[in-house]
């Protein structure tokens, strides 16, 4: 049978073949964050409509070179840490071989990092193949500039060569505009697994309330400010997550004599996170910057009031005293004030209404069963 291609792009031609999509992602299972979760949740729901291949880095050098995860044929390249930095070259070279074999209808880059760089190079080589760029980054403009100033033209090209950009927040959409993106930009957030749980009634007679944060222990998440805030809060803080600042944050807790009020749980699986959220009184993440903030949405979905800062993508879903509470950036006193406001019995009716509003918002706008439909519309329009 004749291979049905036009300018190197496969087309259905009425033969019932599924469109083929090649995903570029620097990390994938078992190394997962919000972006990797998004890929799996979306492709798990789109397997009947498209065929998916992925090029990703073998970050620890111990994963299988090829395997099928859900609906994705995963191809891992490189070997350990060095492969992460060589990914733009290695992935581009490997993707050309896959293109010769599969003739893709679309490539999909997960973030404007090494994966986006590899996808941009692929697009230059195969300009007829549509290029979708998803933006998930939570880093500040300054941090990104420090990492990319010496390759600034290349970094901008990741955005400018995309046929369409899907940003998970208006904050990231505006960044793409500033960097000169030429394709259409649409905001489609990440989703959460909506939990069918009853909103918990707060026990105001309890002597010690549980406050929780689910955060990578990096500067941008403001965990140090939250630890300092606990000097003015009558509660127990549970810190879930790991990261390079763990030792310094534990030292800060010890210096402030808060060892009886703050526990570090490390990284735990999603089921354990949801169980912990159900037992908590307040969720707090005083971010310095944020792409969207999925941890907020997960807390909101199980009926926990949230405290966050007015930065990045957080204002897309958090409205003060309507779906959550804002505190000031880098201000432990402000953080403590908002936590204590939520814990005060005289504010019970307001907090319960805020929790109900937030849960309804997540159910209406942030369910994966809604998000994947929006992504499918983007893909259908690109490859039609």
Protein backbone atom coordinates (compact mmCIF):
# COMPACT_ATOMS: atom_id res chain seq x y z
CA UNK A 1 0.00 0.00 0.00
CA UNK A 2 1.29 3.43 -0.88
CA UNK A 3 2.37 5.51 2.13
CA UNK A 4 -0.05 8.45 2.14
CA UNK A 5 2.09 11.56 2.83
CA UNK A 6 2.08 15.14 1.69
CA UNK A 7 5.28 17.12 2.31
CA UNK A 8 6.38 14.58 4.90
CA UNK A 9 3.14 14.71 6.88
CA UNK A 10 0.94 11.64 7.26
CA UNK A 11 -2.73 12.06 6.48
CA UNK A 12 -5.65 9.78 7.07
CA UNK A 13 -6.86 9.67 3.49
CA UNK A 14 -10.00 7.90 4.64
CA UNK A 15 -8.06 4.77 5.64
CA UNK A 16 -9.04 5.00 9.32
CA UNK A 17 -5.49 5.58 10.53
CA UNK A 18 -5.10 7.51 13.75
CA UNK A 19 -3.12 10.77 13.56
CA UNK A 20 0.36 10.34 14.99
CA UNK A 21 1.78 12.68 17.62
CA UNK A 22 5.36 12.83 18.91
CA UNK A 23 5.78 14.26 22.42
CA UNK A 24 9.01 15.86 23.62
CA UNK A 25 9.29 15.84 27.42
CA UNK A 26 12.48 16.18 29.43
CA UNK A 27 11.08 13.97 32.20
CA UNK A 28 8.46 11.26 32.42
CA UNK A 29 7.40 8.43 34.71
CA UNK A 30 8.74 7.55 37.21
CA UNK A 31 9.99 11.16 37.48
CA UNK A 32 6.80 13.17 37.68
CA UNK A 33 5.63 16.66 38.45
CA UNK A 34 2.58 18.55 37.29
CA UNK A 35 3.59 18.53 33.61
CA UNK A 36 4.18 14.78 33.50
CA UNK A 37 0.91 14.10 35.30
CA UNK A 38 -0.85 16.28 32.72
CA UNK A 39 0.62 14.30 29.82
CA UNK A 40 -0.57 10.99 31.24
CA UNK A 41 -4.03 12.18 32.27
CA UNK A 42 -4.64 13.66 28.81
CA UNK A 43 -3.17 10.84 26.71
CA UNK A 44 -4.95 8.20 28.80
CA UNK A 45 -8.20 9.78 27.61
CA UNK A 46 -7.13 10.34 23.98
CA UNK A 47 -5.72 6.92 23.13
CA UNK A 48 -8.74 6.07 21.01
CA UNK A 49 -8.20 9.13 18.82
CA UNK A 50 -4.42 9.43 18.40
CA UNK A 51 -1.20 7.41 18.45
CA UNK A 52 1.43 8.80 20.82
CA UNK A 53 5.19 8.40 20.87
CA UNK A 54 7.46 10.22 23.30
CA UNK A 55 11.14 11.09 23.45
CA UNK A 56 12.32 11.70 27.01
CA UNK A 57 15.56 11.63 29.00
CA UNK A 58 16.71 8.57 30.92
CA UNK A 59 17.37 10.74 33.96
CA UNK A 60 18.93 8.13 36.22
CA UNK A 61 20.21 5.81 33.49
CA UNK A 62 18.29 2.90 34.99
CA UNK A 63 14.98 3.05 33.12
CA UNK A 64 14.01 0.94 30.10
CA UNK A 65 15.09 2.35 26.75
CA UNK A 66 11.61 1.73 25.35
CA UNK A 67 8.33 0.80 27.00
CA UNK A 68 4.64 1.54 26.73
CA UNK A 69 3.14 3.61 29.55
CA UNK A 70 -0.59 4.00 29.17
CA UNK A 71 -1.17 5.06 25.57
CA UNK A 72 2.37 6.35 24.95
CA UNK A 73 5.28 4.50 23.36
CA UNK A 74 8.10 5.96 25.48
CA UNK A 75 11.63 6.23 24.06
CA UNK A 76 14.31 7.14 26.62
CA UNK A 77 17.63 8.56 25.50
CA UNK A 78 20.83 9.63 27.19
CA UNK A 79 22.23 8.26 30.40
CA UNK A 80 21.88 10.08 33.68
CA UNK A 81 22.50 13.74 34.45
CA UNK A 82 24.61 14.49 31.38
CA UNK A 83 21.79 13.31 29.12
CA UNK A 84 19.56 16.03 30.56
CA UNK A 85 21.88 18.74 29.28
CA UNK A 86 22.47 17.02 25.95
CA UNK A 87 18.75 16.38 25.46
CA UNK A 88 18.16 19.05 22.76
CA UNK A 89 20.75 17.39 20.51
CA UNK A 90 20.05 13.77 21.41
CA UNK A 91 16.28 14.12 21.19
CA UNK A 92 16.43 15.96 17.87
CA UNK A 93 18.66 13.29 16.36
CA UNK A 94 16.46 10.47 17.67
CA UNK A 95 13.25 12.19 16.58
CA UNK A 96 14.46 12.37 12.98
CA UNK A 97 14.70 8.58 12.96
CA UNK A 98 11.20 8.30 14.39
CA UNK A 99 9.89 10.75 11.81
CA UNK A 100 11.36 8.70 8.97
CA UNK A 101 9.51 5.68 10.32
CA UNK A 102 6.20 7.20 11.47
CA UNK A 103 5.69 10.51 9.63
CA UNK A 104 4.02 12.48 12.41
CA UNK A 105 1.06 14.79 12.06
CA UNK A 106 2.06 16.87 15.07
CA UNK A 107 4.79 17.32 17.64
CA UNK A 108 3.99 18.37 21.19
CA UNK A 109 6.65 19.96 23.41
CA UNK A 110 6.06 19.91 27.14
CA UNK A 111 7.56 23.20 28.33
CA UNK A 112 9.98 25.69 26.81
CA UNK A 113 13.04 23.93 28.19
CA UNK A 114 15.35 21.34 26.62
CA UNK A 115 12.23 19.58 25.30
CA UNK A 116 11.02 22.75 23.60
CA UNK A 117 14.48 23.30 22.14
CA UNK A 118 14.48 19.82 20.58
CA UNK A 119 10.95 20.35 19.23
CA UNK A 120 11.91 23.71 17.77
CA UNK A 121 14.80 22.09 15.90
CA UNK A 122 12.46 19.38 14.63
CA UNK A 123 10.05 22.06 13.39
CA UNK A 124 12.83 23.79 11.47
CA UNK A 125 13.70 20.49 9.79
CA UNK A 126 10.08 19.46 9.13
CA UNK A 127 8.13 22.74 8.81
CA UNK A 128 4.93 21.05 7.61
CA UNK A 129 4.54 19.09 10.85
CA UNK A 130 2.42 21.08 13.28
CA UNK A 131 4.09 22.14 16.54
CA UNK A 132 2.16 22.53 19.81
CA UNK A 133 4.00 24.01 22.80
CA UNK A 134 2.60 23.58 26.32
CA UNK A 135 3.75 26.05 28.98
CA UNK A 136 3.84 24.78 32.56
CA UNK A 137 6.82 26.63 34.03
CA UNK A 138 6.55 28.09 37.52
CA UNK A 139 9.92 29.85 37.53
CA UNK A 140 10.28 33.62 37.73
CA UNK A 141 11.31 35.75 34.75
CA UNK A 142 14.65 36.40 36.46
CA UNK A 143 15.43 32.72 37.04
CA UNK A 144 14.61 31.91 33.42
CA UNK A 145 16.75 34.80 32.20
CA UNK A 146 19.72 33.52 34.23
CA UNK A 147 19.39 30.12 32.59
CA UNK A 148 18.84 31.37 29.04
CA UNK A 149 20.53 34.76 28.55
CA UNK A 150 23.44 33.19 26.66
CA UNK A 151 21.05 31.40 24.26
CA UNK A 152 18.32 34.05 24.23
CA UNK A 153 17.60 33.90 20.46
CA UNK A 154 17.24 30.11 20.67
CA UNK A 155 14.97 30.38 23.72
CA UNK A 156 12.69 32.86 21.97
CA UNK A 157 12.54 30.62 18.90
CA UNK A 158 10.99 27.86 21.02
CA UNK A 159 7.98 30.16 21.38
CA UNK A 160 8.07 31.81 17.96
CA UNK A 161 8.14 28.64 15.88
CA UNK A 162 5.15 27.08 17.64
CA UNK A 163 1.98 26.85 15.54
CA UNK A 164 -0.05 26.98 18.73
CA UNK A 165 0.74 27.49 22.41
CA UNK A 166 -1.26 26.08 25.30
CA UNK A 167 -0.51 27.91 28.54
CA UNK A 168 -1.83 26.66 31.86
CA UNK A 169 -2.38 30.22 33.13
CA UNK A 170 -2.79 33.77 31.91
CA UNK A 171 0.55 34.54 33.56
CA UNK A 172 2.30 32.12 31.18
CA UNK A 173 0.24 33.31 28.21
CA UNK A 174 1.46 36.86 28.81
CA UNK A 175 5.04 35.64 29.04
CA UNK A 176 4.71 33.96 25.63
CA UNK A 177 3.38 37.21 24.16
CA UNK A 178 6.35 39.16 25.56
CA UNK A 179 8.74 36.64 24.04
CA UNK A 180 7.25 37.17 20.60
CA UNK A 181 5.09 34.08 20.11
CA UNK A 182 3.50 34.21 16.67
CA UNK A 183 1.05 31.33 16.89
CA UNK A 184 -2.32 31.37 18.58
CA UNK A 185 -2.11 31.18 22.40
CA UNK A 186 -4.89 29.58 24.41
CA UNK A 187 -5.17 29.11 28.17
CA UNK A 188 -6.08 25.56 29.22
CA UNK A 189 -5.10 24.81 32.83
CA UNK A 190 -3.96 21.57 34.32
CA UNK A 191 -6.68 19.54 35.95
CA UNK A 192 -7.16 17.56 39.12
CA UNK A 193 -8.96 14.36 39.93
CA UNK A 194 -12.13 15.74 41.42
CA UNK A 195 -12.76 14.08 44.75
CA UNK A 196 -16.29 13.05 45.67
CA UNK A 197 -15.93 13.89 49.35
CA UNK A 198 -18.14 15.67 51.83
CA UNK A 199 -16.88 19.06 53.01
CA UNK A 200 -15.57 18.66 56.54
CA UNK A 201 -17.04 20.72 59.38
CA UNK A 202 -14.29 22.46 61.32
CA UNK A 203 -13.78 21.51 64.98
CA UNK A 204 -13.01 24.86 66.58
CA UNK A 205 -12.62 23.28 70.02
CA UNK A 206 -9.54 21.35 68.94
CA UNK A 207 -6.46 22.73 70.72
CA UNK A 208 -4.05 22.17 67.83
CA UNK A 209 -5.06 22.74 64.22
CA UNK A 210 -3.23 21.09 61.32
CA UNK A 211 -1.80 23.33 58.61
CA UNK A 212 -0.32 21.72 55.52
CA UNK A 213 1.79 22.67 52.54
CA UNK A 214 2.53 20.40 49.59
CA UNK A 215 5.55 21.94 47.90
CA UNK A 216 8.91 21.23 46.37
CA UNK A 217 11.42 22.58 48.86
CA UNK A 218 12.80 25.28 46.61
CA UNK A 219 13.01 29.05 47.06
CA UNK A 220 10.05 29.91 44.81
CA UNK A 221 7.53 28.13 47.06
CA UNK A 222 8.19 30.35 50.09
CA UNK A 223 8.34 27.53 52.64
CA UNK A 224 10.83 29.46 54.80
CA UNK A 225 8.29 32.27 55.16
CA UNK A 226 5.64 29.75 56.21
CA UNK A 227 7.96 28.25 58.83
CA UNK A 228 8.60 31.73 60.26
CA UNK A 229 4.84 32.39 60.30
CA UNK A 230 4.30 29.41 62.60
CA UNK A 231 5.79 31.36 65.52
CA UNK A 232 2.46 33.26 65.56
CA UNK A 233 0.09 30.34 64.85
CA UNK A 234 -1.34 27.84 67.32
CA UNK A 235 -1.18 24.83 65.05
CA UNK A 236 0.86 21.96 63.66
CA UNK A 237 2.50 22.44 60.25
CA UNK A 238 2.98 19.40 58.02
CA UNK A 239 5.43 19.96 55.15
CA UNK A 240 5.00 17.43 52.33
CA UNK A 241 7.63 17.43 49.61
CA UNK A 242 11.37 17.26 49.12
CA UNK A 243 14.00 19.44 47.53
CA UNK A 244 17.41 21.04 47.77
CA UNK A 245 16.42 23.37 50.64
CA UNK A 246 15.30 20.60 53.00
CA UNK A 247 18.35 20.76 55.27
CA UNK A 248 18.32 24.55 55.54
CA UNK A 249 14.57 24.58 56.23
CA UNK A 250 14.95 21.97 58.96
CA UNK A 251 17.72 24.09 60.47
CA UNK A 252 15.45 27.15 60.37
CA UNK A 253 12.73 25.22 62.20
CA UNK A 254 15.21 24.15 64.86
CA UNK A 255 16.64 27.67 65.33
CA UNK A 256 13.12 29.01 65.88
CA UNK A 257 12.41 26.27 68.46
CA UNK A 258 9.49 24.96 66.39
CA UNK A 259 10.36 21.26 66.33
CA UNK A 260 7.15 20.45 68.23
CA UNK A 261 5.05 22.44 65.74
CA UNK A 262 6.56 21.51 62.35
CA UNK A 263 7.04 18.06 60.80
CA UNK A 264 8.72 17.23 57.48
CA UNK A 265 7.03 14.25 55.84
CA UNK A 266 9.13 14.19 52.68
CA UNK A 267 7.72 13.05 49.35
CA UNK A 268 4.68 10.77 49.55
CA UNK A 269 2.37 9.32 46.89
CA UNK A 270 -0.77 11.06 45.68
CA UNK A 271 -3.13 8.83 47.66
CA UNK A 272 -1.32 9.70 50.89
CA UNK A 273 -1.40 13.40 49.97
CA UNK A 274 -5.18 13.32 49.56
CA UNK A 275 -5.56 11.47 52.87
CA UNK A 276 -3.43 14.11 54.59
CA UNK A 277 -5.46 16.92 53.01
CA UNK A 278 -8.69 15.44 54.33
CA UNK A 279 -7.29 15.66 57.88
CA UNK A 280 -6.06 19.23 57.55
CA UNK A 281 -7.50 22.60 58.52
CA UNK A 282 -5.70 25.00 56.17
CA UNK A 283 -3.52 24.61 53.07
CA UNK A 284 -0.82 27.26 52.62
CA UNK A 285 1.76 27.93 49.93
CA UNK A 286 3.17 31.50 50.05
CA UNK A 287 4.74 31.29 46.57
CA UNK A 288 7.18 33.83 45.19
CA UNK A 289 6.14 32.78 41.69
CA UNK A 290 3.81 30.09 40.32
CA UNK A 291 2.88 28.76 36.89
CA UNK A 292 -0.57 27.69 38.10
CA UNK A 293 -0.51 25.86 41.43
CA UNK A 294 -2.06 22.40 41.16
CA UNK A 295 -1.55 21.72 44.85
CA UNK A 296 -4.01 24.52 45.63
CA UNK A 297 -6.61 22.98 43.33
CA UNK A 298 -6.16 19.56 44.93
CA UNK A 299 -6.72 21.05 48.38
CA UNK A 300 -9.77 22.97 47.15
CA UNK A 301 -11.19 19.78 45.62
CA UNK A 302 -11.33 18.09 49.04
CA UNK A 303 -12.81 21.06 50.86
CA UNK A 304 -9.74 22.63 52.48
CA UNK A 305 -9.45 26.45 52.66
CA UNK A 306 -6.31 27.73 50.93
CA UNK A 307 -3.92 30.63 51.50
CA UNK A 308 -1.69 31.81 48.66
CA UNK A 309 0.00 34.86 47.20
CA UNK A 310 -1.20 37.01 44.33
CA UNK A 311 1.53 35.90 41.91
CA UNK A 312 1.80 33.98 38.64
CA UNK A 313 -1.20 31.84 37.77
CA UNK A 314 -2.73 31.76 41.26
CA UNK A 315 -5.17 34.67 40.61
CA UNK A 316 -6.72 32.58 37.81
CA UNK A 317 -8.54 30.54 40.47
CA UNK A 318 -8.03 32.27 43.82
CA UNK A 319 -10.22 35.26 44.62
CA UNK A 320 -9.80 36.67 48.11
CA UNK A 321 -12.60 35.67 50.50
CA UNK A 322 -14.46 34.00 47.61
CA UNK A 323 -12.41 30.92 46.71
CA UNK A 324 -9.48 31.34 49.11
CA UNK A 325 -7.35 33.89 50.91
CA UNK A 326 -4.42 36.02 49.78
CA UNK A 327 -1.39 36.74 51.94
CA UNK A 328 1.50 39.03 51.08
CA UNK A 329 4.68 37.78 49.39
CA UNK A 330 7.67 37.25 51.70
CA UNK A 331 5.67 38.37 54.74
CA UNK A 332 5.43 35.79 57.56
CA UNK A 333 3.23 38.11 59.65
CA UNK A 334 0.72 38.35 56.79
CA UNK A 335 0.75 34.56 56.37
CA UNK A 336 0.10 34.02 60.07
CA UNK A 337 -2.67 36.62 60.06
CA UNK A 338 -4.55 34.81 57.25
CA UNK A 339 -4.13 31.39 58.85
CA UNK A 340 -5.42 32.72 62.18
CA UNK A 341 -8.33 34.40 60.41
CA UNK A 342 -9.40 31.04 58.96
CA UNK A 343 -8.96 29.32 62.33
CA UNK A 344 -11.06 31.90 64.21
CA UNK A 345 -14.51 30.56 65.12
CA UNK A 346 -16.19 33.90 64.43
CA UNK A 347 -15.25 33.52 60.74
CA UNK A 348 -16.69 30.01 60.46
CA UNK A 349 -19.65 30.87 58.19
CA UNK A 350 -17.52 32.84 55.76
CA UNK A 351 -14.80 30.18 55.57
CA UNK A 352 -17.36 27.43 54.94
CA UNK A 353 -18.85 29.45 52.06
CA UNK A 354 -15.38 30.06 50.60
CA UNK A 355 -14.64 26.32 50.78
CA UNK A 356 -17.92 25.50 49.03
CA UNK A 357 -17.24 28.08 46.29
CA UNK A 358 -13.73 26.73 45.76
CA UNK A 359 -14.85 23.11 45.51
CA UNK A 360 -17.53 24.04 42.97
CA UNK A 361 -14.98 26.01 40.92
CA UNK A 362 -12.64 23.02 40.71
CA UNK A 363 -15.48 20.68 39.74
CA UNK A 364 -16.71 23.07 37.04
CA UNK A 365 -13.41 24.19 35.49
CA UNK A 366 -10.52 21.97 36.55
CA UNK A 367 -11.64 18.36 36.16
CA UNK A 368 -9.39 16.29 33.87
CA UNK A 369 -12.55 15.07 32.13
CA UNK A 370 -13.12 18.63 30.99
CA UNK A 371 -9.49 19.60 30.38
CA UNK A 372 -8.76 16.74 27.98
CA UNK A 373 -11.67 17.81 25.76
CA UNK A 374 -10.17 21.30 25.46
CA UNK A 375 -6.78 19.81 24.55
CA UNK A 376 -8.41 17.54 21.96
CA UNK A 377 -10.02 20.58 20.33
CA UNK A 378 -6.60 22.22 20.06
CA UNK A 379 -5.06 19.13 18.47
CA UNK A 380 -7.98 18.56 16.09
CA UNK A 381 -7.80 22.13 14.86
CA UNK A 382 -4.03 21.98 14.38
CA UNK A 383 -3.96 18.80 12.31
CA UNK A 384 -7.25 19.18 10.43
